[in-house]
Every structure is written in structure tokens, then in C-alpha cells.
Amino acid sequence: MTSGQPYDDAFGYDPATHDVPTRPRRAPLDEAQIAQARDMLATPGATVTATAHRLGVSTQTIYRHVLHRPWNR
């Protein structure tokens, strides 16, 4: 900022280039965990919150990947 260059140019970073490093994404739950979550949710009295806690994920992950309820803004 003190050099007078615009912020975007100060670091020489261009996300449109093809050599930008990317972090590989993994699915939050594998197929076995999804099946386990479905079994857990099928038991009487089971909650999404308890299932998410047991699997170590967020409740939103359970809604999206197990119950197939996309997040709507």
C-alpha cells in the first residue's frame, strides 16, 4: 500500500493463471460413513445434531450429504 500500487498488483497474484496451486478437496463423508449416518438417523429418537457430533462433522454436512437437502440462501 505504501508503494502506491493497487492492492491486486502488489503481490503479483493472478487466480486466473493455470499454475495456481489448489488444495485437493475430499468428500466430508465417505460412503461407509453416509450409510452409518443413515442407520443412526433411522433409529427412533435420533437427531441430526447427535449424528453429526458422533461422526465429527457439522449438522449442515449431514443435511447435505446424508439427507440430500441442499443449502438454500
PDB file of N, CA and C in Angstrom:
ATOM      1  N   MET A   1       0.818  -1.189   0.000  1.00  0.00           N
ATOM      2  CA  MET A   1       0.000   0.000   0.000  1.00  0.00           C
ATOM      3  C   MET A   1       0.866   1.258   0.000  1.00  0.00           C
ATOM      4  N   THR A   2       1.975   1.189   0.666  1.00  0.00           N
ATOM      5  CA  THR A   2       2.837   2.371   0.703  1.00  0.00           C
ATOM      6  C   THR A   2       3.549   2.603  -0.616  1.00  0.00           C
ATOM      7  N   SER A   3       3.623   1.563  -1.467  1.00  0.00           N
ATOM      8  CA  SER A   3       4.302   1.725  -2.756  1.00  0.00           C
ATOM      9  C   SER A   3       3.435   2.459  -3.769  1.00  0.00           C
ATOM     10  N   GLY A   4       2.141   2.577  -3.500  1.00  0.00           N
ATOM     11  CA  GLY A   4       1.239   3.248  -4.419  1.00  0.00           C
ATOM     12  C   GLY A   4       0.662   2.320  -5.480  1.00  0.00           C
ATOM     13  N   GLN A   5       1.035   1.045  -5.447  1.00  0.00           N
ATOM     14  CA  GLN A   5       0.470   0.089  -6.402  1.00  0.00           C
ATOM     15  C   GLN A   5      -0.912  -0.334  -5.931  1.00  0.00           C
ATOM     16  N   PRO A   6      -1.805  -0.605  -6.881  1.00  0.00           N
ATOM     17  CA  PRO A   6      -3.112  -1.141  -6.472  1.00  0.00           C
ATOM     18  C   PRO A   6      -2.925  -2.456  -5.711  1.00  0.00           C
ATOM     19  N   TYR A   7      -3.825  -2.750  -4.836  1.00  0.00           N
ATOM     20  CA  TYR A   7      -3.723  -3.929  -3.972  1.00  0.00           C
ATOM     21  C   TYR A   7      -3.543  -5.207  -4.774  1.00  0.00           C
ATOM     22  N   ASP A   8      -4.332  -5.382  -5.844  1.00  0.00           N
ATOM     23  CA  ASP A   8      -4.265  -6.616  -6.624  1.00  0.00           C
ATOM     24  C   ASP A   8      -2.902  -6.818  -7.267  1.00  0.00           C
ATOM     25  N   ASP A   9      -2.223  -5.741  -7.635  1.00  0.00           N
ATOM     26  CA  ASP A   9      -0.939  -5.851  -8.301  1.00  0.00           C
ATOM     27  C   ASP A   9       0.223  -5.964  -7.325  1.00  0.00           C
ATOM     28  N   ALA A  10       0.012  -5.640  -6.084  1.00  0.00           N
ATOM     29  CA  ALA A  10       1.108  -5.580  -5.115  1.00  0.00           C
ATOM     30  C   ALA A  10       1.751  -6.939  -4.877  1.00  0.00           C
ATOM     31  N   PHE A  11       0.997  -8.008  -4.979  1.00  0.00           N
ATOM     32  CA  PHE A  11       1.523  -9.334  -4.688  1.00  0.00           C
ATOM     33  C   PHE A  11       1.795 -10.159  -5.934  1.00  0.00           C
ATOM     34  N   GLY A  12       1.398  -9.682  -7.089  1.00  0.00           N
ATOM     35  CA  GLY A  12       1.627 -10.410  -8.327  1.00  0.00           C
ATOM     36  C   GLY A  12       0.838 -11.694  -8.425  1.00  0.00           C
ATOM     37  N   TYR A  13      -0.274 -11.775  -7.747  1.00  0.00           N
ATOM     38  CA  TYR A  13      -1.102 -12.986  -7.739  1.00  0.00           C
ATOM     39  C   TYR A  13      -2.234 -12.849  -8.731  1.00  0.00           C
ATOM     40  N   ASP A  14      -2.349 -13.822  -9.616  1.00  0.00           N
ATOM     41  CA  ASP A  14      -3.436 -13.824 -10.592  1.00  0.00           C
ATOM     42  C   ASP A  14      -4.136 -15.178 -10.514  1.00  0.00           C
ATOM     43  N   PRO A  15      -5.331 -15.238  -9.935  1.00  0.00           N
ATOM     44  CA  PRO A  15      -6.009 -16.532  -9.785  1.00  0.00           C
ATOM     45  C   PRO A  15      -6.440 -17.141 -11.103  1.00  0.00           C
ATOM     46  N   ALA A  16      -6.402 -16.371 -12.200  1.00  0.00           N
ATOM     47  CA  ALA A  16      -6.819 -16.897 -13.492  1.00  0.00           C
ATOM     48  C   ALA A  16      -5.715 -17.725 -14.155  1.00  0.00           C
ATOM     49  N   THR A  17      -4.499 -17.671 -13.649  1.00  0.00           N
ATOM     50  CA  THR A  17      -3.422 -18.449 -14.255  1.00  0.00           C
ATOM     51  C   THR A  17      -3.630 -19.925 -13.969  1.00  0.00           C
ATOM     52  N   HIS A  18      -3.062 -20.743 -14.837  1.00  0.00           N
ATOM     53  CA  HIS A  18      -3.272 -22.182 -14.709  1.00  0.00           C
ATOM     54  C   HIS A  18      -2.325 -22.841 -13.722  1.00  0.00           C
ATOM     55  N   ASP A  19      -1.285 -22.155 -13.312  1.00  0.00           N
ATOM     56  CA  ASP A  19      -0.328 -22.769 -12.405  1.00  0.00           C
ATOM     57  C   ASP A  19      -0.574 -22.410 -10.935  1.00  0.00           C
ATOM     58  N   VAL A  20      -1.763 -21.974 -10.643  1.00  0.00           N
ATOM     59  CA  VAL A  20      -2.120 -21.632  -9.275  1.00  0.00           C
ATOM     60  C   VAL A  20      -2.277 -22.932  -8.479  1.00  0.00           C
ATOM     61  N   PRO A  21      -1.605 -23.058  -7.350  1.00  0.00           N
ATOM     62  CA  PRO A  21      -1.746 -24.290  -6.574  1.00  0.00           C
ATOM     63  C   PRO A  21      -3.155 -24.406  -6.000  1.00  0.00           C
ATOM     64  N   THR A  22      -3.677 -25.593  -6.019  1.00  0.00           N
ATOM     65  CA  THR A  22      -5.006 -25.840  -5.461  1.00  0.00           C
ATOM     66  C   THR A  22      -4.891 -26.906  -4.383  1.00  0.00           C
ATOM     67  N   ARG A  23      -5.780 -26.819  -3.448  1.00  0.00           N
ATOM     68  CA  ARG A  23      -5.834 -27.831  -2.402  1.00  0.00           C
ATOM     69  C   ARG A  23      -6.832 -28.887  -2.832  1.00  0.00           C
ATOM     70  N   PRO A  24      -6.440 -30.142  -2.776  1.00  0.00           N
ATOM     71  CA  PRO A  24      -7.394 -31.189  -3.146  1.00  0.00           C
ATOM     72  C   PRO A  24      -8.528 -31.241  -2.131  1.00  0.00           C
ATOM     73  N   ARG A  25      -9.718 -31.409  -2.644  1.00  0.00           N
ATOM     74  CA  ARG A  25     -10.877 -31.490  -1.762  1.00  0.00           C
ATOM     75  C   ARG A  25     -11.289 -32.943  -1.622  1.00  0.00           C
ATOM     76  N   ARG A  26     -11.609 -33.301  -0.430  1.00  0.00           N
ATOM     77  CA  ARG A  26     -12.134 -34.645  -0.208  1.00  0.00           C
ATOM     78  C   ARG A  26     -13.574 -34.509   0.257  1.00  0.00           C
ATOM     79  N   ALA A  27     -14.322 -35.530   0.014  1.00  0.00           N
ATOM     80  CA  ALA A  27     -15.702 -35.528   0.476  1.00  0.00           C
ATOM     81  C   ALA A  27     -15.699 -35.551   2.000  1.00  0.00           C
ATOM     82  N   PRO A  28     -16.600 -34.809   2.640  1.00  0.00           N
ATOM     83  CA  PRO A  28     -16.619 -34.781   4.098  1.00  0.00           C
ATOM     84  C   PRO A  28     -16.966 -36.134   4.718  1.00  0.00           C
ATOM     85  N   LEU A  29     -17.713 -36.935   3.995  1.00  0.00           N
ATOM     86  CA  LEU A  29     -18.075 -38.268   4.471  1.00  0.00           C
ATOM     87  C   LEU A  29     -17.871 -39.267   3.331  1.00  0.00           C
ATOM     88  N   ASP A  30     -17.318 -40.425   3.650  1.00  0.00           N
ATOM     89  CA  ASP A  30     -17.226 -41.455   2.622  1.00  0.00           C
ATOM     90  C   ASP A  30     -18.527 -42.269   2.622  1.00  0.00           C
ATOM     91  N   GLU A  31     -18.617 -43.194   1.696  1.00  0.00           N
ATOM     92  CA  GLU A  31     -19.869 -43.964   1.538  1.00  0.00           C
ATOM     93  C   GLU A  31     -20.218 -44.754   2.799  1.00  0.00           C
ATOM     94  N   ALA A  32     -19.226 -45.301   3.476  1.00  0.00           N
ATOM     95  CA  ALA A  32     -19.487 -46.072   4.702  1.00  0.00           C
ATOM     96  C   ALA A  32     -20.035 -45.162   5.804  1.00  0.00           C
ATOM     97  N   GLN A  33     -19.493 -43.963   5.912  1.00  0.00           N
ATOM     98  CA  GLN A  33     -19.984 -43.029   6.930  1.00  0.00           C
ATOM     99  C   GLN A  33     -21.393 -42.543   6.597  1.00  0.00           C
ATOM    100  N   ILE A  34     -21.678 -42.356   5.324  1.00  0.00           N
ATOM    101  CA  ILE A  34     -23.034 -41.957   4.928  1.00  0.00           C
ATOM    102  C   ILE A  34     -24.018 -43.058   5.284  1.00  0.00           C
ATOM    103  N   ALA A  35     -23.654 -44.312   5.014  1.00  0.00           N
ATOM    104  CA  ALA A  35     -24.523 -45.441   5.377  1.00  0.00           C
ATOM    105  C   ALA A  35     -24.699 -45.524   6.886  1.00  0.00           C
ATOM    106  N   GLN A  36     -23.612 -45.301   7.623  1.00  0.00           N
ATOM    107  CA  GLN A  36     -23.690 -45.325   9.084  1.00  0.00           C
ATOM    108  C   GLN A  36     -24.613 -44.215   9.585  1.00  0.00           C
ATOM    109  N   ALA A  37     -24.492 -43.032   9.006  1.00  0.00           N
ATOM    110  CA  ALA A  37     -25.336 -41.904   9.418  1.00  0.00           C
ATOM    111  C   ALA A  37     -26.804 -42.198   9.123  1.00  0.00           C
ATOM    112  N   ARG A  38     -27.079 -42.800   7.988  1.00  0.00           N
ATOM    113  CA  ARG A  38     -28.476 -43.150   7.660  1.00  0.00           C
ATOM    114  C   ARG A  38     -29.033 -44.162   8.653  1.00  0.00           C
ATOM    115  N   ASP A  39     -28.211 -45.139   9.021  1.00  0.00           N
ATOM    116  CA  ASP A  39     -28.650 -46.124  10.017  1.00  0.00           C
ATOM    117  C   ASP A  39     -28.900 -45.453  11.365  1.00  0.00           C
ATOM    118  N   MET A  40     -28.016 -44.554  11.739  1.00  0.00           N
ATOM    119  CA  MET A  40     -28.179 -43.852  13.012  1.00  0.00           C
ATOM    120  C   MET A  40     -29.456 -43.011  13.008  1.00  0.00           C
ATOM    121  N   LEU A  41     -29.729 -42.339  11.899  1.00  0.00           N
ATOM    122  CA  LEU A  41     -30.918 -41.482  11.816  1.00  0.00           C
ATOM    123  C   LEU A  41     -32.209 -42.287  11.734  1.00  0.00           C
ATOM    124  N   ALA A  42     -32.115 -43.544  11.345  1.00  0.00           N
ATOM    125  CA  ALA A  42     -33.301 -44.383  11.242  1.00  0.00           C
ATOM    126  C   ALA A  42     -33.777 -44.889  12.600  1.00  0.00           C
ATOM    127  N   THR A  43     -32.933 -44.825  13.604  1.00  0.00           N
ATOM    128  CA  THR A  43     -33.333 -45.284  14.933  1.00  0.00           C
ATOM    129  C   THR A  43     -34.251 -44.247  15.581  1.00  0.00           C
ATOM    130  N   PRO A  44     -35.249 -44.696  16.328  1.00  0.00           N
ATOM    131  CA  PRO A  44     -36.167 -43.756  16.973  1.00  0.00           C
ATOM    132  C   PRO A  44     -35.428 -42.837  17.947  1.00  0.00           C
ATOM    133  N   GLY A  45     -35.757 -41.580  17.903  1.00  0.00           N
ATOM    134  CA  GLY A  45     -35.184 -40.601  18.806  1.00  0.00           C
ATOM    135  C   GLY A  45     -33.850 -40.026  18.357  1.00  0.00           C
ATOM    136  N   ALA A  46     -33.337 -40.488  17.224  1.00  0.00           N
ATOM    137  CA  ALA A  46     -32.051 -39.975  16.736  1.00  0.00           C
ATOM    138  C   ALA A  46     -32.228 -38.561  16.212  1.00  0.00           C
ATOM    139  N   THR A  47     -31.212 -37.752  16.392  1.00  0.00           N
ATOM    140  CA  THR A  47     -31.245 -36.379  15.898  1.00  0.00           C
ATOM    141  C   THR A  47     -30.079 -36.139  14.950  1.00  0.00           C
ATOM    142  N   VAL A  48     -30.244 -35.151  14.098  1.00  0.00           N
ATOM    143  CA  VAL A  48     -29.183 -34.766  13.177  1.00  0.00           C
ATOM    144  C   VAL A  48     -27.980 -34.251  13.970  1.00  0.00           C
ATOM    145  N   THR A  49     -28.232 -33.502  15.012  1.00  0.00           N
ATOM    146  CA  THR A  49     -27.151 -32.947  15.820  1.00  0.00           C
ATOM    147  C   THR A  49     -26.316 -34.051  16.466  1.00  0.00           C
ATOM    148  N   ALA A  50     -26.956 -35.038  17.044  1.00  0.00           N
ATOM    149  CA  ALA A  50     -26.232 -36.137  17.676  1.00  0.00           C
ATOM    150  C   ALA A  50     -25.461 -36.961  16.647  1.00  0.00           C
ATOM    151  N   THR A  51     -26.056 -37.180  15.494  1.00  0.00           N
ATOM    152  CA  THR A  51     -25.393 -37.926  14.427  1.00  0.00           C
ATOM    153  C   THR A  51     -24.158 -37.176  13.940  1.00  0.00           C
ATOM    154  N   ALA A  52     -24.299 -35.884  13.731  1.00  0.00           N
ATOM    155  CA  ALA A  52     -23.169 -35.069  13.275  1.00  0.00           C
ATOM    156  C   ALA A  52     -22.050 -35.076  14.314  1.00  0.00           C
ATOM    157  N   HIS A  53     -22.425 -34.956  15.568  1.00  0.00           N
ATOM    158  CA  HIS A  53     -21.425 -34.952  16.637  1.00  0.00           C
ATOM    159  C   HIS A  53     -20.675 -36.283  16.683  1.00  0.00           C
ATOM    160  N   ARG A  54     -21.397 -37.348  16.547  1.00  0.00           N
ATOM    161  CA  ARG A  54     -20.785 -38.684  16.600  1.00  0.00           C
ATOM    162  C   ARG A  54     -19.804 -38.898  15.449  1.00  0.00           C
ATOM    163  N   LEU A  55     -20.131 -38.348  14.269  1.00  0.00           N
ATOM    164  CA  LEU A  55     -19.261 -38.511  13.105  1.00  0.00           C
ATOM    165  C   LEU A  55     -18.204 -37.411  13.000  1.00  0.00           C
ATOM    166  N   GLY A  56     -18.295 -36.406  13.848  1.00  0.00           N
ATOM    167  CA  GLY A  56     -17.298 -35.341  13.840  1.00  0.00           C
ATOM    168  C   GLY A  56     -17.436 -34.370  12.687  1.00  0.00           C
ATOM    169  N   VAL A  57     -18.679 -34.146  12.240  1.00  0.00           N
ATOM    170  CA  VAL A  57     -18.941 -33.207  11.151  1.00  0.00           C
ATOM    171  C   VAL A  57     -20.021 -32.232  11.600  1.00  0.00           C
ATOM    172  N   SER A  58     -20.298 -31.250  10.757  1.00  0.00           N
ATOM    173  CA  SER A  58     -21.341 -30.287  11.088  1.00  0.00           C
ATOM    174  C   SER A  58     -22.718 -30.855  10.756  1.00  0.00           C
ATOM    175  N   THR A  59     -23.728 -30.259  11.344  1.00  0.00           N
ATOM    176  CA  THR A  59     -25.097 -30.679  11.023  1.00  0.00           C
ATOM    177  C   THR A  59     -25.406 -30.386   9.559  1.00  0.00           C
ATOM    178  N   GLN A  60     -24.832 -29.315   9.026  1.00  0.00           N
ATOM    179  CA  GLN A  60     -25.063 -28.978   7.616  1.00  0.00           C
ATOM    180  C   GLN A  60     -24.522 -30.077   6.703  1.00  0.00           C
ATOM    181  N   THR A  61     -23.418 -30.706   7.090  1.00  0.00           N
ATOM    182  CA  THR A  61     -22.877 -31.814   6.306  1.00  0.00           C
ATOM    183  C   THR A  61     -23.858 -32.973   6.284  1.00  0.00           C
ATOM    184  N   ILE A  62     -24.484 -33.255   7.405  1.00  0.00           N
ATOM    185  CA  ILE A  62     -25.484 -34.329   7.449  1.00  0.00           C
ATOM    186  C   ILE A  62     -26.669 -33.977   6.557  1.00  0.00           C
ATOM    187  N   TYR A  63     -27.147 -32.746   6.655  1.00  0.00           N
ATOM    188  CA  TYR A  63     -28.273 -32.342   5.807  1.00  0.00           C
ATOM    189  C   TYR A  63     -27.926 -32.452   4.329  1.00  0.00           C
ATOM    190  N   ARG A  64     -26.740 -32.014   3.942  1.00  0.00           N
ATOM    191  CA  ARG A  64     -26.362 -32.012   2.526  1.00  0.00           C
ATOM    192  C   ARG A  64     -26.052 -33.393   1.984  1.00  0.00           C
ATOM    193  N   HIS A  65     -25.201 -34.141   2.670  1.00  0.00           N
ATOM    194  CA  HIS A  65     -24.667 -35.368   2.104  1.00  0.00           C
ATOM    195  C   HIS A  65     -25.437 -36.628   2.484  1.00  0.00           C
ATOM    196  N   VAL A  66     -26.140 -36.605   3.582  1.00  0.00           N
ATOM    197  CA  VAL A  66     -26.885 -37.793   4.003  1.00  0.00           C
ATOM    198  C   VAL A  66     -28.360 -37.647   3.650  1.00  0.00           C
ATOM    199  N   LEU A  67     -28.923 -36.498   3.964  1.00  0.00           N
ATOM    200  CA  LEU A  67     -30.351 -36.283   3.732  1.00  0.00           C
ATOM    201  C   LEU A  67     -30.649 -35.601   2.396  1.00  0.00           C
ATOM    202  N   HIS A  68     -29.595 -35.228   1.663  1.00  0.00           N
ATOM    203  CA  HIS A  68     -29.709 -34.596   0.337  1.00  0.00           C
ATOM    204  C   HIS A  68     -30.591 -33.348   0.365  1.00  0.00           C
ATOM    205  N   ARG A  69     -30.391 -32.537   1.380  1.00  0.00           N
ATOM    206  CA  ARG A  69     -31.092 -31.258   1.462  1.00  0.00           C
ATOM    207  C   ARG A  69     -30.075 -30.147   1.219  1.00  0.00           C
ATOM    208  N   PRO A  70     -30.072 -29.594   0.016  1.00  0.00           N
ATOM    209  CA  PRO A  70     -29.086 -28.542  -0.274  1.00  0.00           C
ATOM    210  C   PRO A  70     -29.366 -27.298   0.528  1.00  0.00           C
ATOM    211  N   TRP A  71     -28.313 -26.532   0.729  1.00  0.00           N
ATOM    212  CA  TRP A  71     -28.425 -25.294   1.482  1.00  0.00           C
ATOM    213  C   TRP A  71     -28.957 -24.204   0.571  1.00  0.00           C
ATOM    214  N   ASN A  72     -30.069 -23.623   0.932  1.00  0.00           N
ATOM    215  CA  ASN A  72     -30.657 -22.517   0.172  1.00  0.00           C
ATOM    216  C   ASN A  72     -30.471 -21.236   0.946  1.00  0.00           C
ATOM    217  N   ARG A  73     -29.979 -20.249   0.259  1.00  0.00           N
ATOM    218  CA  ARG A  73     -29.758 -18.957   0.916  1.00  0.00           C
ATOM    219  C   ARG A  73     -31.008 -18.162   0.964  1.00  0.00           C
TER     220      ARG A  73
END
